[in-house]
């Protein structure tokens, strides 16, 4: 993708990695996004991977806005700037994300062609829009506080888009690159500050033609590691560490970072169970970590500390645990985190200190040896757990637990979150419908008598 914006990350005083953004043509920092990310780091307490996603979302939006400036200069429409135009551009953004150069919206299509942007999925589009709306809300609130301060000191450093456009109109001798720089400054300032005249900016939403897209049924296995391949995955693991990690993730559904942050005391050997405790409940335990490492202790939040361990995976985990602890001891670790790095350059260090790329590298190598058509991330084992519990876990009436039971097992606070993980297997649902059909035929019920059947059985 063509880039008009450069991203630079740095370590914030909170310990988080924060991004700031620069206009490639001018080299100037774009004011606003860094302040928003600092706000998230300082007040929201989100994990680093969520901040990284926000970095990416903002980069994409800023690149889009810069391409808009480029397009207006190339089309010689740079003198027509207005806050209303900015609102129009903001409304075009969802079409640009979801439809790219296939969009019937001319602006969205043209910008996608300039950026060589191929579009993103509906789910990613919704995430980008959510981040943008958070950013715009923060910018509006920040603008108000700055405005009040500047009025108190009788100073006004805000420059309206109209004023900048006027400058562009008067200075016809400007080069194209100078016009682009001023226009880009104008448009981004209008987005970030809202402009002195405060043109009301509506919330950015998905286009109406995507309104029912989320209702379309997707394959139940799209994010879940294949049920029929999990045992093969574990058997293909090359270390006892990986056997224990894969069986733990598949068997309990804990998040990858929760598994990475387990300490030896969290494994209850006599009970053959594992507990997940957040940082806030045992701060002193982490006194051996510096501020940067403590920041990496990302806890998304569980409703309770206990876990449910699917029996077959529990057996694999505890059968291999002592072999792994011997393997771990040979790395001479100076900490009591369960999972350690086994690579030469970081041998024995707590594995949670690495990033998701390093965590998934070994996992994907294992899948390559299996010859899978597509490669999954470790998080797919959490989806596997939800899918298994919803469809295959034995119960008194057959197989599959209720949504509320799966919610409890996954540590979710809201069933809506659980629904995204524990998707009913389409094959099982079809089998159930076929069984009902056979029952009706066997007992001579006509389809028109279904309601009578329901009343008869009181269901």
Protein backbone atom coordinates (compact mmCIF):
# COMPACT_ATOMS: atom_id res chain seq x y z
CA UNK A 1 0.00 0.00 0.00
CA UNK A 2 1.28 3.47 -0.87
CA UNK A 3 2.08 5.51 2.23
CA UNK A 4 1.81 9.26 2.78
CA UNK A 5 2.30 8.89 6.54
CA UNK A 6 5.16 7.40 8.53
CA UNK A 7 4.65 5.73 11.90
CA UNK A 8 7.28 5.85 14.63
CA UNK A 9 6.92 3.98 17.93
CA UNK A 10 8.54 4.91 21.22
CA UNK A 11 8.38 3.72 24.82
CA UNK A 12 5.96 5.83 26.84
CA UNK A 13 6.62 6.50 30.54
CA UNK A 14 3.78 4.07 31.37
CA UNK A 15 5.83 1.30 29.78
CA UNK A 16 3.56 1.00 26.73
CA UNK A 17 4.78 1.31 23.16
CA UNK A 18 3.12 4.38 21.69
CA UNK A 19 3.08 5.50 18.05
CA UNK A 20 3.35 8.97 16.65
CA UNK A 21 2.80 9.86 13.00
CA UNK A 22 4.65 12.08 10.52
CA UNK A 23 3.74 13.51 7.16
CA UNK A 24 6.30 11.98 4.78
CA UNK A 25 6.48 15.04 2.50
CA UNK A 26 7.02 17.61 5.25
CA UNK A 27 8.53 15.48 8.00
CA UNK A 28 6.22 17.20 10.52
CA UNK A 29 4.47 15.30 13.28
CA UNK A 30 0.69 15.10 12.91
CA UNK A 31 -0.76 16.57 16.09
CA UNK A 32 -3.55 14.65 17.79
CA UNK A 33 -3.09 10.89 17.29
CA UNK A 34 -0.14 10.60 19.68
CA UNK A 35 -2.06 12.51 22.36
CA UNK A 36 -5.03 10.16 21.88
CA UNK A 37 -2.82 7.05 22.21
CA UNK A 38 -1.18 8.50 25.32
CA UNK A 39 -4.64 9.05 26.76
CA UNK A 40 -5.51 5.38 26.12
CA UNK A 41 -2.26 4.24 27.73
CA UNK A 42 -2.59 6.47 30.79
CA UNK A 43 -6.29 6.22 31.54
CA UNK A 44 -7.82 3.22 29.80
CA UNK A 45 -5.35 0.55 30.94
CA UNK A 46 -5.77 -1.48 27.75
CA UNK A 47 -3.31 -4.27 26.87
CA UNK A 48 -0.45 -3.55 24.44
CA UNK A 49 -2.00 -5.59 21.62
CA UNK A 50 -5.13 -3.40 21.76
CA UNK A 51 -2.95 -0.30 21.61
CA UNK A 52 -1.09 -1.78 18.64
CA UNK A 53 -4.42 -2.26 16.89
CA UNK A 54 -5.29 1.40 17.58
CA UNK A 55 -1.88 2.40 16.10
CA UNK A 56 -2.73 0.51 12.93
CA UNK A 57 -6.29 1.89 12.77
CA UNK A 58 -5.12 5.50 13.09
CA UNK A 59 -2.30 5.00 10.58
CA UNK A 60 -4.82 3.76 8.02
CA UNK A 61 -7.12 6.72 8.63
CA UNK A 62 -4.33 9.32 8.47
CA UNK A 63 -3.03 7.77 5.27
CA UNK A 64 -6.56 7.97 3.86
CA UNK A 65 -6.86 11.67 4.78
CA UNK A 66 -3.46 12.43 3.25
CA UNK A 67 -4.52 10.68 0.05
CA UNK A 68 -7.63 12.89 0.01
CA UNK A 69 -5.36 15.95 0.04
CA UNK A 70 -3.32 14.43 -2.79
CA UNK A 71 -6.47 13.74 -4.82
CA UNK A 72 -7.82 17.29 -4.42
CA UNK A 73 -4.53 18.84 -5.54
CA UNK A 74 -4.27 16.51 -8.54
CA UNK A 75 -7.87 17.31 -9.52
CA UNK A 76 -7.29 21.04 -8.95
CA UNK A 77 -10.14 21.25 -6.43
CA UNK A 78 -7.95 22.35 -3.53
CA UNK A 79 -9.54 25.81 -3.37
CA UNK A 80 -12.97 24.40 -2.43
CA UNK A 81 -12.23 23.47 1.16
CA UNK A 82 -14.94 23.55 3.79
CA UNK A 83 -15.96 21.85 6.97
CA UNK A 84 -18.87 20.31 5.05
CA UNK A 85 -16.36 18.70 2.70
CA UNK A 86 -14.55 17.22 5.70
CA UNK A 87 -17.77 15.65 6.92
CA UNK A 88 -18.30 14.17 3.48
CA UNK A 89 -14.79 12.67 3.52
CA UNK A 90 -15.40 11.16 6.94
CA UNK A 91 -18.58 9.52 5.67
CA UNK A 92 -16.71 8.13 2.67
CA UNK A 93 -14.18 6.37 4.89
CA UNK A 94 -16.31 3.24 5.66
CA UNK A 95 -16.92 2.73 1.92
CA UNK A 96 -13.18 3.06 1.29
CA UNK A 97 -12.44 0.43 3.96
CA UNK A 98 -15.06 -2.13 2.97
CA UNK A 99 -15.25 -1.71 -0.81
CA UNK A 100 -11.88 -0.16 -1.80
CA UNK A 101 -11.51 0.37 -5.56
CA UNK A 102 -14.74 -1.58 -6.19
CA UNK A 103 -16.82 1.05 -4.41
CA UNK A 104 -19.50 2.85 -6.43
CA UNK A 105 -18.52 5.92 -4.40
CA UNK A 106 -16.11 7.75 -6.70
CA UNK A 107 -14.01 9.33 -3.95
CA UNK A 108 -13.61 6.05 -2.08
CA UNK A 109 -12.67 4.24 -5.28
CA UNK A 110 -10.19 6.92 -6.42
CA UNK A 111 -8.43 7.04 -3.03
CA UNK A 112 -8.21 3.24 -2.90
CA UNK A 113 -6.54 3.28 -6.33
CA UNK A 114 -4.06 5.94 -5.22
CA UNK A 115 -3.15 3.94 -2.12
CA UNK A 116 -3.37 0.56 -3.91
CA UNK A 117 -5.62 -0.43 -1.03
CA UNK A 118 -7.50 -3.73 -1.42
CA UNK A 119 -10.02 -3.31 1.39
CA UNK A 120 -10.55 -5.13 4.68
CA UNK A 121 -13.20 -7.45 6.09
CA UNK A 122 -16.49 -6.23 7.53
CA UNK A 123 -15.31 -7.00 11.08
CA UNK A 124 -12.07 -5.05 10.58
CA UNK A 125 -14.01 -2.17 9.02
CA UNK A 126 -16.19 -1.98 12.13
CA UNK A 127 -13.09 -1.95 14.35
CA UNK A 128 -11.49 0.85 12.30
CA UNK A 129 -14.68 2.89 12.54
CA UNK A 130 -14.92 2.30 16.30
CA UNK A 131 -11.34 3.52 16.79
CA UNK A 132 -11.98 6.55 14.58
CA UNK A 133 -15.10 7.51 16.55
CA UNK A 134 -13.16 7.22 19.82
CA UNK A 135 -10.44 9.41 18.33
CA UNK A 136 -12.92 12.02 17.09
CA UNK A 137 -14.67 12.09 20.47
CA UNK A 138 -11.34 12.56 22.25
CA UNK A 139 -10.37 15.29 19.77
CA UNK A 140 -13.65 17.13 20.34
CA UNK A 141 -13.21 17.03 24.12
CA UNK A 142 -9.56 18.05 23.85
CA UNK A 143 -10.49 20.91 21.52
CA UNK A 144 -12.96 22.28 24.07
CA UNK A 145 -10.43 22.19 26.91
CA UNK A 146 -7.72 23.81 24.77
CA UNK A 147 -10.15 26.41 23.50
CA UNK A 148 -11.12 27.38 27.04
CA UNK A 149 -7.46 27.70 28.03
CA UNK A 150 -6.57 29.79 25.00
CA UNK A 151 -9.51 32.12 25.55
CA UNK A 152 -8.45 32.57 29.18
CA UNK A 153 -5.01 33.69 28.02
CA UNK A 154 -6.47 35.75 25.16
CA UNK A 155 -4.60 33.78 22.51
CA UNK A 156 -5.90 31.92 19.48
CA UNK A 157 -3.63 29.51 17.67
CA UNK A 158 -6.43 27.66 15.90
CA UNK A 159 -6.46 28.23 12.16
CA UNK A 160 -9.66 27.44 10.29
CA UNK A 161 -9.67 25.34 7.16
CA UNK A 162 -11.27 28.25 5.33
CA UNK A 163 -8.35 30.49 6.30
CA UNK A 164 -5.83 27.98 5.07
CA UNK A 165 -7.75 27.52 1.83
CA UNK A 166 -7.74 31.26 1.43
CA UNK A 167 -3.99 31.23 1.78
CA UNK A 168 -3.78 28.54 -0.88
CA UNK A 169 -5.97 30.59 -3.22
CA UNK A 170 -3.89 33.75 -2.79
CA UNK A 171 -0.51 32.06 -3.12
CA UNK A 172 -0.96 30.60 -6.59
CA UNK A 173 2.81 30.35 -7.01
CA UNK A 174 3.02 27.49 -4.50
CA UNK A 175 4.38 24.23 -5.81
CA UNK A 176 2.22 21.11 -5.80
CA UNK A 177 4.06 19.69 -2.81
CA UNK A 178 3.59 22.95 -0.86
CA UNK A 179 -0.11 22.99 -1.69
CA UNK A 180 -0.43 19.36 -0.57
CA UNK A 181 1.34 20.11 2.69
CA UNK A 182 -0.93 23.06 3.49
CA UNK A 183 -4.06 21.21 2.42
CA UNK A 184 -3.11 18.13 4.42
CA UNK A 185 -2.47 20.32 7.47
CA UNK A 186 -5.85 21.95 6.89
CA UNK A 187 -7.85 18.74 6.56
CA UNK A 188 -6.20 16.97 9.47
CA UNK A 189 -6.58 20.04 11.66
CA UNK A 190 -10.24 20.16 10.73
CA UNK A 191 -10.70 16.53 11.71
CA UNK A 192 -8.71 16.77 14.93
CA UNK A 193 -9.87 20.12 16.24
CA UNK A 194 -13.26 20.34 14.56
CA UNK A 195 -12.27 23.83 13.41
CA UNK A 196 -12.98 27.09 15.28
CA UNK A 197 -16.47 27.27 13.85
CA UNK A 198 -17.21 23.77 15.23
CA UNK A 199 -19.18 22.32 12.36
CA UNK A 200 -21.15 19.50 13.96
CA UNK A 201 -19.66 16.15 13.11
CA UNK A 202 -22.03 13.15 13.12
CA UNK A 203 -20.88 9.73 14.32
CA UNK A 204 -19.30 7.64 11.57
CA UNK A 205 -21.29 4.48 10.88
CA UNK A 206 -21.26 1.45 8.61
CA UNK A 207 -23.09 2.11 5.31
CA UNK A 208 -26.72 0.99 5.21
CA UNK A 209 -25.95 -1.61 2.58
CA UNK A 210 -23.87 -3.44 5.20
CA UNK A 211 -26.63 -3.26 7.78
CA UNK A 212 -27.49 -6.96 7.63
CA UNK A 213 -24.08 -8.28 6.65
CA UNK A 214 -23.32 -9.43 10.18
CA UNK A 215 -26.46 -11.59 10.10
CA UNK A 216 -25.04 -13.79 7.34
CA UNK A 217 -23.93 -17.09 8.80
CA UNK A 218 -20.19 -17.69 8.60
CA UNK A 219 -18.55 -21.12 8.78
CA UNK A 220 -18.44 -22.18 12.43
CA UNK A 221 -14.80 -23.21 12.05
CA UNK A 222 -13.56 -19.94 10.51
CA UNK A 223 -11.59 -18.91 13.62
CA UNK A 224 -11.50 -22.15 15.56
CA UNK A 225 -8.60 -24.52 15.21
CA UNK A 226 -10.04 -27.61 13.42
CA UNK A 227 -11.56 -30.01 15.95
CA UNK A 228 -10.25 -33.07 14.10
CA UNK A 229 -6.68 -31.71 13.99
CA UNK A 230 -6.02 -30.71 17.60
CA UNK A 231 -4.65 -34.06 18.78
CA UNK A 232 -2.40 -34.19 15.73
CA UNK A 233 -1.18 -30.67 16.59
CA UNK A 234 -0.14 -31.75 20.08
CA UNK A 235 1.57 -34.90 18.80
CA UNK A 236 3.59 -32.82 16.29
CA UNK A 237 4.93 -30.44 18.97
CA UNK A 238 8.72 -30.58 19.23
CA UNK A 239 9.12 -29.70 22.92
CA UNK A 240 7.38 -30.54 26.18
CA UNK A 241 6.78 -26.82 26.61
CA UNK A 242 4.71 -26.70 23.44
CA UNK A 243 2.81 -29.87 24.37
CA UNK A 244 1.88 -28.30 27.70
CA UNK A 245 1.03 -24.93 26.15
CA UNK A 246 -1.18 -26.35 23.37
CA UNK A 247 -3.02 -28.74 25.71
CA UNK A 248 -3.53 -25.92 28.24
CA UNK A 249 -4.93 -23.48 25.68
CA UNK A 250 -7.16 -26.06 23.99
CA UNK A 251 -8.22 -27.65 27.26
CA UNK A 252 -9.07 -24.55 29.30
CA UNK A 253 -9.68 -21.85 26.69
CA UNK A 254 -7.54 -19.36 28.63
CA UNK A 255 -6.21 -16.43 26.62
CA UNK A 256 -2.67 -16.76 25.31
CA UNK A 257 -1.35 -13.97 27.53
CA UNK A 258 -3.03 -15.56 30.56
CA UNK A 259 -1.19 -18.80 29.86
CA UNK A 260 2.11 -16.98 29.26
CA UNK A 261 1.81 -15.21 32.62
CA UNK A 262 1.14 -18.34 34.68
CA UNK A 263 3.47 -18.79 37.62
CA UNK A 264 4.42 -22.14 39.10
CA UNK A 265 2.15 -21.55 42.10
CA UNK A 266 -0.83 -21.24 39.74
CA UNK A 267 -0.61 -24.91 38.77
CA UNK A 268 -2.45 -26.92 41.43
CA UNK A 269 -0.92 -30.34 40.82
CA UNK A 270 -2.84 -32.25 43.50
CA UNK A 271 -6.15 -30.95 42.15
CA UNK A 272 -5.02 -31.18 38.51
CA UNK A 273 -6.26 -27.67 37.85
CA UNK A 274 -4.95 -24.22 36.91
CA UNK A 275 -5.97 -20.83 38.30
CA UNK A 276 -5.77 -17.46 36.56
CA UNK A 277 -5.08 -14.55 38.91
CA UNK A 278 -4.83 -10.90 37.80
CA UNK A 279 -1.93 -8.63 38.68
CA UNK A 280 -4.09 -6.51 40.99
CA UNK A 281 -4.70 -9.44 43.35
CA UNK A 282 -1.03 -10.14 44.01
CA UNK A 283 1.06 -7.10 43.18
CA UNK A 284 3.94 -8.11 45.47
CA UNK A 285 4.47 -11.33 43.52
CA UNK A 286 5.69 -9.24 40.59
CA UNK A 287 8.20 -7.16 42.54
CA UNK A 288 11.01 -8.81 40.55
CA UNK A 289 9.81 -7.15 37.32
CA UNK A 290 10.65 -3.66 36.09
CA UNK A 291 7.98 -1.21 34.95
CA UNK A 292 8.24 -2.20 31.28
CA UNK A 293 7.70 -5.87 32.06
CA UNK A 294 4.85 -5.17 34.46
CA UNK A 295 3.13 -3.27 31.64
CA UNK A 296 3.31 -6.42 29.53
CA UNK A 297 1.24 -8.25 32.16
CA UNK A 298 -1.88 -7.76 30.08
CA UNK A 299 -5.08 -9.04 31.69
CA UNK A 300 -8.22 -8.57 29.64
CA UNK A 301 -10.28 -9.57 32.64
CA UNK A 302 -11.95 -12.76 33.81
CA UNK A 303 -15.10 -13.04 35.88
CA UNK A 304 -13.37 -15.63 38.11
CA UNK A 305 -9.96 -17.23 38.66
CA UNK A 306 -10.78 -20.94 38.28
CA UNK A 307 -10.76 -22.81 35.00
CA UNK A 308 -12.51 -25.85 33.56
CA UNK A 309 -10.08 -28.36 32.02
CA UNK A 310 -11.45 -30.68 29.30
CA UNK A 311 -10.45 -34.13 30.67
CA UNK A 312 -8.47 -35.42 27.67
CA UNK A 313 -6.35 -32.27 27.53
CA UNK A 314 -5.98 -32.15 31.30
CA UNK A 315 -4.49 -35.64 31.16
CA UNK A 316 -2.04 -34.64 28.41
CA UNK A 317 -1.00 -31.49 30.28
CA UNK A 318 -0.27 -33.13 33.62
CA UNK A 319 1.28 -36.25 32.04
CA UNK A 320 3.85 -34.03 30.33
CA UNK A 321 4.24 -31.34 33.00
CA UNK A 322 7.13 -32.93 34.91
CA UNK A 323 9.04 -33.58 31.69
CA UNK A 324 8.54 -29.95 30.79
CA UNK A 325 9.69 -28.74 34.20
CA UNK A 326 12.91 -30.72 33.68
CA UNK A 327 13.24 -29.12 30.24
CA UNK A 328 12.60 -25.70 31.78
CA UNK A 329 15.16 -26.24 34.57
CA UNK A 330 17.93 -26.79 32.00
CA UNK A 331 17.46 -23.21 30.76
CA UNK A 332 18.46 -21.84 34.22
CA UNK A 333 15.48 -19.48 34.63
CA UNK A 334 15.75 -16.79 37.30
CA UNK A 335 11.95 -16.45 37.72
CA UNK A 336 8.94 -18.62 38.47
CA UNK A 337 6.87 -18.03 35.31
CA UNK A 338 5.85 -21.40 33.89
CA UNK A 339 6.59 -20.87 30.22
CA UNK A 340 10.11 -19.88 29.15
CA UNK A 341 11.75 -19.04 25.84
CA UNK A 342 13.78 -21.91 24.35
CA UNK A 343 15.59 -20.00 21.61
CA UNK A 344 19.31 -19.40 22.10
CA UNK A 345 19.18 -15.61 22.19
CA UNK A 346 16.59 -15.51 25.00
CA UNK A 347 16.97 -18.95 26.59
CA UNK A 348 15.22 -19.22 29.94
CA UNK A 349 13.59 -15.78 29.94
CA UNK A 350 9.89 -15.52 30.79
CA UNK A 351 8.12 -16.13 27.50
CA UNK A 352 5.48 -13.48 28.12
CA UNK A 353 8.19 -10.86 27.52
CA UNK A 354 8.21 -11.78 23.84
CA UNK A 355 5.61 -10.58 21.35
CA UNK A 356 2.77 -12.46 19.68
CA UNK A 357 4.89 -13.00 16.56
CA UNK A 358 7.50 -14.98 18.47
CA UNK A 359 4.79 -16.90 20.34
CA UNK A 360 3.05 -17.91 17.12
CA UNK A 361 6.20 -18.71 15.15
CA UNK A 362 6.63 -22.16 16.73
CA UNK A 363 2.87 -22.77 16.57
CA UNK A 364 2.78 -22.08 12.83
CA UNK A 365 5.87 -24.22 12.22
CA UNK A 366 4.03 -27.12 13.86
CA UNK A 367 1.06 -26.57 11.55
CA UNK A 368 3.33 -26.47 8.51
CA UNK A 369 4.63 -29.92 9.44
CA UNK A 370 1.00 -31.05 9.58
CA UNK A 371 0.37 -29.73 6.06
CA UNK A 372 -2.67 -27.60 6.96
CA UNK A 373 -4.22 -25.56 4.14
CA UNK A 374 -4.22 -22.43 6.33
CA UNK A 375 -2.25 -21.43 9.40
CA UNK A 376 -3.92 -20.41 12.66
CA UNK A 377 -2.71 -18.34 15.60
CA UNK A 378 -2.61 -19.55 19.20
CA UNK A 379 -5.83 -17.62 19.83
CA UNK A 380 -7.62 -20.14 17.59
CA UNK A 381 -7.31 -22.65 20.44
CA UNK A 382 -9.52 -20.41 22.58
CA UNK A 383 -12.09 -20.49 19.78
CA UNK A 384 -11.63 -24.27 19.65
CA UNK A 385 -12.43 -24.49 23.37
CA UNK A 386 -15.61 -22.45 22.97
CA UNK A 387 -16.69 -24.48 19.95
CA UNK A 388 -15.97 -27.77 21.73
CA UNK A 389 -17.85 -26.79 24.87
CA UNK A 390 -20.86 -25.60 22.88
CA UNK A 391 -21.09 -28.63 20.60
CA UNK A 392 -19.16 -31.67 21.82
CA UNK A 393 -18.71 -31.62 25.60
CA UNK A 394 -20.76 -34.52 27.04
CA UNK A 395 -23.75 -33.73 29.23
CA UNK A 396 -26.69 -35.68 30.66
CA UNK A 397 -28.81 -35.09 27.58
CA UNK A 398 -26.10 -35.74 25.00
CA UNK A 399 -23.47 -33.27 23.87
CA UNK A 400 -22.92 -29.53 24.07
CA UNK A 401 -23.38 -27.13 26.98
CA UNK A 402 -25.65 -24.11 27.28
CA UNK A 403 -24.35 -20.68 26.35
CA UNK A 404 -24.39 -19.60 30.00
CA UNK A 405 -22.28 -22.64 30.99
CA UNK A 406 -19.76 -21.91 28.22
CA UNK A 407 -19.66 -18.26 29.32
CA UNK A 408 -18.68 -19.36 32.80
CA UNK A 409 -16.03 -21.77 31.49
CA UNK A 410 -14.45 -19.07 29.30
CA UNK A 411 -14.45 -16.47 32.06
CA UNK A 412 -16.61 -14.03 30.11
CA UNK A 413 -18.79 -11.42 31.75
CA UNK A 414 -21.23 -11.13 28.84
CA UNK A 415 -22.88 -13.90 26.83
CA UNK A 416 -22.63 -11.77 23.70
CA UNK A 417 -18.87 -12.16 23.86
CA UNK A 418 -19.22 -15.91 24.32
CA UNK A 419 -21.45 -16.11 21.23
CA UNK A 420 -18.50 -15.04 19.08
CA UNK A 421 -16.46 -18.01 20.30
CA UNK A 422 -18.90 -20.84 20.94
CA UNK A 423 -20.56 -21.02 17.55
CA UNK A 424 -22.92 -23.96 17.02
CA UNK A 425 -21.53 -26.50 14.56
CA UNK A 426 -23.66 -26.24 11.43
CA UNK A 427 -23.40 -30.00 10.81
CA UNK A 428 -24.72 -30.73 14.29
CA UNK A 429 -27.59 -28.28 13.87
CA UNK A 430 -28.54 -29.90 10.55
CA UNK A 431 -28.35 -33.35 12.15
CA UNK A 432 -30.72 -32.19 14.91
CA UNK A 433 -33.20 -30.90 12.33
CA UNK A 434 -32.95 -34.20 10.42
CA UNK A 435 -33.65 -36.12 13.64
CA UNK A 436 -36.75 -34.00 14.26
CA UNK A 437 -37.88 -34.66 10.68
CA UNK A 438 -37.47 -38.42 11.17
CA UNK A 439 -39.39 -38.24 14.45
CA UNK A 440 -42.28 -36.47 12.75
CA UNK A 441 -42.42 -38.99 9.94
CA UNK A 442 -42.08 -41.97 12.30
CA UNK A 443 -45.03 -40.91 14.45
CA UNK A 444 -47.16 -39.77 11.56
CA UNK A 445 -47.10 -36.03 12.24
CA UNK A 446 -47.75 -33.70 9.37
CA UNK A 447 -45.76 -30.46 9.14
CA UNK A 448 -48.96 -28.55 9.85
CA UNK A 449 -49.21 -30.38 13.19
CA UNK A 450 -45.84 -29.14 14.49
CA UNK A 451 -47.48 -26.59 16.77
CA UNK A 452 -49.65 -29.34 18.23
CA UNK A 453 -46.48 -31.36 18.86
CA UNK A 454 -44.92 -28.40 20.64
CA UNK A 455 -47.99 -27.98 22.82
CA UNK A 456 -48.14 -31.71 23.53
CA UNK A 457 -44.57 -31.85 24.83
CA UNK A 458 -44.80 -28.48 26.53
CA UNK A 459 -41.77 -26.99 24.73
